[in-house]
């Protein structure tokens, strides 16, 4: 009889099967990234950010997997959102941004956590740069190119 880890299954002739399927390492890492991004979203909601979106760019760029994008009502609001996200992610996930951009301008602050980026923008900048549309357009373009048969 084969060895089994599960004592309840000791009468079975089936080879050992894990009780809980393990995720591949990359999937487990992505799951942690998504949890951190959801924490950022929650913090932004609590601090009254507007139009909060998480954009999945996995496979579209080698730089990051997710964007968290939110609008703020003023430069001061952007700064307070940035501080809250930075503090909350460090407290809850032991994450600190690798880089912070835009602290001087206060119309677009970017918190770069390597695997995901938090974009905090005034509505005017968000409308102008339209990151959500830019990345969804990239997906559509890539899908069309994938449909071409040579």
C-alpha atoms as a PDB file:
ATOM      1  CA  UNK A   1       0.000   0.000   0.000  1.00  0.00           C
ATOM      2  CA  UNK A   2       1.244   3.501  -0.859  1.00  0.00           C
ATOM      3  CA  UNK A   3       1.909   6.105   1.790  1.00  0.00           C
ATOM      4  CA  UNK A   4      -0.753   8.769   2.250  1.00  0.00           C
ATOM      5  CA  UNK A   5      -0.629  12.035   4.120  1.00  0.00           C
ATOM      6  CA  UNK A   6      -4.341  12.056   4.813  1.00  0.00           C
ATOM      7  CA  UNK A   7      -5.079   9.482   7.519  1.00  0.00           C
ATOM      8  CA  UNK A   8      -8.732   9.420   6.486  1.00  0.00           C
ATOM      9  CA  UNK A   9      -7.659   8.202   3.069  1.00  0.00           C
ATOM     10  CA  UNK A  10      -5.420   5.362   4.318  1.00  0.00           C
ATOM     11  CA  UNK A  11      -7.704   2.680   2.878  1.00  0.00           C
ATOM     12  CA  UNK A  12      -7.562   4.091  -0.616  1.00  0.00           C
ATOM     13  CA  UNK A  13      -5.365   2.577  -3.291  1.00  0.00           C
ATOM     14  CA  UNK A  14      -5.052   5.902  -5.076  1.00  0.00           C
ATOM     15  CA  UNK A  15      -1.632   7.582  -5.091  1.00  0.00           C
ATOM     16  CA  UNK A  16      -1.245  10.622  -2.860  1.00  0.00           C
ATOM     17  CA  UNK A  17      -2.971  13.752  -4.158  1.00  0.00           C
ATOM     18  CA  UNK A  18      -2.515  17.087  -2.430  1.00  0.00           C
ATOM     19  CA  UNK A  19      -5.552  18.109  -0.416  1.00  0.00           C
ATOM     20  CA  UNK A  20      -5.176  21.686  -1.550  1.00  0.00           C
ATOM     21  CA  UNK A  21      -3.913  22.409  -5.022  1.00  0.00           C
ATOM     22  CA  UNK A  22      -0.946  24.752  -4.885  1.00  0.00           C
ATOM     23  CA  UNK A  23      -0.809  27.677  -7.240  1.00  0.00           C
ATOM     24  CA  UNK A  24       2.263  28.001  -9.401  1.00  0.00           C
ATOM     25  CA  UNK A  25       4.630  30.544  -7.879  1.00  0.00           C
ATOM     26  CA  UNK A  26       3.774  33.188 -10.471  1.00  0.00           C
ATOM     27  CA  UNK A  27       0.038  32.754  -9.782  1.00  0.00           C
ATOM     28  CA  UNK A  28       0.578  33.046  -6.036  1.00  0.00           C
ATOM     29  CA  UNK A  29       2.607  36.225  -6.555  1.00  0.00           C
ATOM     30  CA  UNK A  30      -0.102  37.654  -8.824  1.00  0.00           C
ATOM     31  CA  UNK A  31      -2.688  36.810  -6.161  1.00  0.00           C
ATOM     32  CA  UNK A  32      -0.669  38.818  -3.599  1.00  0.00           C
ATOM     33  CA  UNK A  33      -0.373  41.704  -6.064  1.00  0.00           C
ATOM     34  CA  UNK A  34      -4.136  41.684  -6.574  1.00  0.00           C
ATOM     35  CA  UNK A  35      -4.715  41.687  -2.801  1.00  0.00           C
ATOM     36  CA  UNK A  36      -2.435  44.708  -2.411  1.00  0.00           C
ATOM     37  CA  UNK A  37      -4.174  46.486  -5.306  1.00  0.00           C
ATOM     38  CA  UNK A  38      -7.555  45.789  -3.690  1.00  0.00           C
ATOM     39  CA  UNK A  39      -6.222  47.224  -0.443  1.00  0.00           C
ATOM     40  CA  UNK A  40      -5.167  50.359  -2.323  1.00  0.00           C
ATOM     41  CA  UNK A  41      -8.658  50.562  -3.834  1.00  0.00           C
ATOM     42  CA  UNK A  42     -10.273  50.238  -0.400  1.00  0.00           C
ATOM     43  CA  UNK A  43      -8.038  52.969   1.040  1.00  0.00           C
ATOM     44  CA  UNK A  44      -8.837  55.247  -1.892  1.00  0.00           C
ATOM     45  CA  UNK A  45     -12.578  54.648  -1.441  1.00  0.00           C
ATOM     46  CA  UNK A  46     -12.305  55.455   2.272  1.00  0.00           C
ATOM     47  CA  UNK A  47     -10.503  58.705   1.405  1.00  0.00           C
ATOM     48  CA  UNK A  48     -13.163  59.729  -1.136  1.00  0.00           C
ATOM     49  CA  UNK A  49     -11.174  59.211  -4.341  1.00  0.00           C
ATOM     50  CA  UNK A  50     -13.342  59.171  -7.456  1.00  0.00           C
ATOM     51  CA  UNK A  51     -13.648  56.769 -10.418  1.00  0.00           C
ATOM     52  CA  UNK A  52     -11.336  54.145  -8.938  1.00  0.00           C
ATOM     53  CA  UNK A  53     -10.359  51.405 -11.366  1.00  0.00           C
ATOM     54  CA  UNK A  54      -7.970  48.494 -11.339  1.00  0.00           C
ATOM     55  CA  UNK A  55      -6.674  47.838 -14.837  1.00  0.00           C
ATOM     56  CA  UNK A  56      -5.100  44.440 -15.515  1.00  0.00           C
ATOM     57  CA  UNK A  57      -2.157  44.843 -17.892  1.00  0.00           C
ATOM     58  CA  UNK A  58      -0.720  41.385 -17.271  1.00  0.00           C
ATOM     59  CA  UNK A  59       0.954  40.180 -20.434  1.00  0.00           C
ATOM     60  CA  UNK A  60       0.643  43.577 -22.115  1.00  0.00           C
ATOM     61  CA  UNK A  61       3.817  44.950 -20.604  1.00  0.00           C
ATOM     62  CA  UNK A  62       6.735  43.386 -18.790  1.00  0.00           C
ATOM     63  CA  UNK A  63       6.898  46.313 -16.380  1.00  0.00           C
ATOM     64  CA  UNK A  64       3.783  45.844 -14.232  1.00  0.00           C
ATOM     65  CA  UNK A  65       0.711  43.626 -13.866  1.00  0.00           C
ATOM     66  CA  UNK A  66      -1.869  46.096 -12.588  1.00  0.00           C
ATOM     67  CA  UNK A  67      -2.660  49.794 -12.561  1.00  0.00           C
ATOM     68  CA  UNK A  68      -4.796  51.284  -9.813  1.00  0.00           C
ATOM     69  CA  UNK A  69      -6.156  54.541 -11.212  1.00  0.00           C
ATOM     70  CA  UNK A  70      -8.148  57.121  -9.271  1.00  0.00           C
ATOM     71  CA  UNK A  71      -9.170  60.747  -9.582  1.00  0.00           C
ATOM     72  CA  UNK A  72      -8.934  63.379  -6.867  1.00  0.00           C
ATOM     73  CA  UNK A  73     -10.631  66.721  -6.431  1.00  0.00           C
ATOM     74  CA  UNK A  74      -7.484  68.828  -5.855  1.00  0.00           C
ATOM     75  CA  UNK A  75      -3.727  68.721  -5.525  1.00  0.00           C
ATOM     76  CA  UNK A  76      -4.077  68.537  -1.755  1.00  0.00           C
ATOM     77  CA  UNK A  77      -6.510  65.629  -2.127  1.00  0.00           C
ATOM     78  CA  UNK A  78      -4.010  63.794  -4.397  1.00  0.00           C
ATOM     79  CA  UNK A  79      -1.266  64.265  -1.791  1.00  0.00           C
ATOM     80  CA  UNK A  80      -3.468  62.976   1.038  1.00  0.00           C
ATOM     81  CA  UNK A  81      -4.523  59.964  -1.079  1.00  0.00           C
ATOM     82  CA  UNK A  82      -0.887  59.215  -1.873  1.00  0.00           C
ATOM     83  CA  UNK A  83       0.087  59.390   1.801  1.00  0.00           C
ATOM     84  CA  UNK A  84      -2.835  57.161   2.817  1.00  0.00           C
ATOM     85  CA  UNK A  85      -2.068  54.498   0.188  1.00  0.00           C
ATOM     86  CA  UNK A  86       1.627  54.533   1.022  1.00  0.00           C
ATOM     87  CA  UNK A  87       0.944  54.191   4.755  1.00  0.00           C
ATOM     88  CA  UNK A  88      -1.775  51.558   4.348  1.00  0.00           C
ATOM     89  CA  UNK A  89       0.181  49.290   1.995  1.00  0.00           C
ATOM     90  CA  UNK A  90       3.202  49.437   4.251  1.00  0.00           C
ATOM     91  CA  UNK A  91       1.102  48.611   7.314  1.00  0.00           C
ATOM     92  CA  UNK A  92      -1.055  45.873   5.761  1.00  0.00           C
ATOM     93  CA  UNK A  93       1.317  44.305   3.207  1.00  0.00           C
ATOM     94  CA  UNK A  94       4.801  45.512   4.223  1.00  0.00           C
ATOM     95  CA  UNK A  95       5.084  47.211   0.827  1.00  0.00           C
ATOM     96  CA  UNK A  96       6.859  50.471   0.151  1.00  0.00           C
ATOM     97  CA  UNK A  97       6.936  52.111  -3.263  1.00  0.00           C
ATOM     98  CA  UNK A  98      10.135  51.668  -5.225  1.00  0.00           C
ATOM     99  CA  UNK A  99       9.600  55.108  -6.727  1.00  0.00           C
ATOM    100  CA  UNK A 100       7.212  58.028  -6.316  1.00  0.00           C
ATOM    101  CA  UNK A 101       6.759  60.525  -9.149  1.00  0.00           C
ATOM    102  CA  UNK A 102       4.889  63.826  -9.306  1.00  0.00           C
ATOM    103  CA  UNK A 103       4.991  64.966  -5.682  1.00  0.00           C
ATOM    104  CA  UNK A 104       5.926  68.483  -6.786  1.00  0.00           C
ATOM    105  CA  UNK A 105       3.221  68.950  -9.405  1.00  0.00           C
ATOM    106  CA  UNK A 106       0.304  67.503  -7.412  1.00  0.00           C
ATOM    107  CA  UNK A 107      -1.774  66.930 -10.548  1.00  0.00           C
ATOM    108  CA  UNK A 108      -0.598  63.336 -11.073  1.00  0.00           C
ATOM    109  CA  UNK A 109       1.203  61.264  -8.475  1.00  0.00           C
ATOM    110  CA  UNK A 110       2.474  57.828  -9.371  1.00  0.00           C
ATOM    111  CA  UNK A 111       3.350  55.244  -6.711  1.00  0.00           C
ATOM    112  CA  UNK A 112       5.439  52.479  -8.289  1.00  0.00           C
ATOM    113  CA  UNK A 113       5.323  49.207  -6.365  1.00  0.00           C
ATOM    114  CA  UNK A 114       7.158  47.338  -9.166  1.00  0.00           C
ATOM    115  CA  UNK A 115       4.377  44.811  -9.843  1.00  0.00           C
ATOM    116  CA  UNK A 116       1.596  47.388  -9.746  1.00  0.00           C
ATOM    117  CA  UNK A 117       1.385  51.150 -10.048  1.00  0.00           C
ATOM    118  CA  UNK A 118      -1.033  53.516  -8.349  1.00  0.00           C
ATOM    119  CA  UNK A 119      -1.941  56.550 -10.494  1.00  0.00           C
ATOM    120  CA  UNK A 120      -3.620  59.426  -8.634  1.00  0.00           C
ATOM    121  CA  UNK A 121      -4.729  62.177 -10.998  1.00  0.00           C
ATOM    122  CA  UNK A 122      -6.802  65.283 -11.329  1.00  0.00           C
ATOM    123  CA  UNK A 123      -9.759  64.647 -13.661  1.00  0.00           C
ATOM    124  CA  UNK A 124      -8.244  66.843 -16.387  1.00  0.00           C
ATOM    125  CA  UNK A 125      -5.036  64.784 -16.556  1.00  0.00           C
ATOM    126  CA  UNK A 126      -6.951  61.543 -16.354  1.00  0.00           C
ATOM    127  CA  UNK A 127      -9.197  62.536 -19.229  1.00  0.00           C
ATOM    128  CA  UNK A 128      -6.259  63.750 -21.319  1.00  0.00           C
ATOM    129  CA  UNK A 129      -4.028  60.683 -20.844  1.00  0.00           C
ATOM    130  CA  UNK A 130      -6.945  58.215 -20.704  1.00  0.00           C
ATOM    131  CA  UNK A 131      -4.837  55.301 -19.457  1.00  0.00           C
ATOM    132  CA  UNK A 132      -7.796  52.924 -19.268  1.00  0.00           C
ATOM    133  CA  UNK A 133      -8.600  53.463 -22.946  1.00  0.00           C
ATOM    134  CA  UNK A 134      -4.940  53.378 -23.924  1.00  0.00           C
ATOM    135  CA  UNK A 135      -4.439  49.936 -22.394  1.00  0.00           C
ATOM    136  CA  UNK A 136      -7.777  48.522 -23.569  1.00  0.00           C
ATOM    137  CA  UNK A 137      -6.962  49.804 -27.071  1.00  0.00           C
ATOM    138  CA  UNK A 138      -3.660  47.978 -26.886  1.00  0.00           C
ATOM    139  CA  UNK A 139      -5.514  44.771 -26.090  1.00  0.00           C
ATOM    140  CA  UNK A 140      -7.901  45.268 -29.010  1.00  0.00           C
ATOM    141  CA  UNK A 141      -5.008  46.025 -31.364  1.00  0.00           C
ATOM    142  CA  UNK A 142      -3.143  42.914 -30.205  1.00  0.00           C
ATOM    143  CA  UNK A 143      -6.250  40.742 -30.627  1.00  0.00           C
ATOM    144  CA  UNK A 144      -6.747  41.992 -34.195  1.00  0.00           C
ATOM    145  CA  UNK A 145      -3.114  41.267 -35.010  1.00  0.00           C
ATOM    146  CA  UNK A 146      -3.511  37.799 -33.526  1.00  0.00           C
ATOM    147  CA  UNK A 147      -6.429  37.099 -35.872  1.00  0.00           C
ATOM    148  CA  UNK A 148      -4.325  37.634 -38.997  1.00  0.00           C
ATOM    149  CA  UNK A 149      -3.321  34.331 -40.535  1.00  0.00           C
ATOM    150  CA  UNK A 150      -0.156  34.138 -42.575  1.00  0.00           C
END
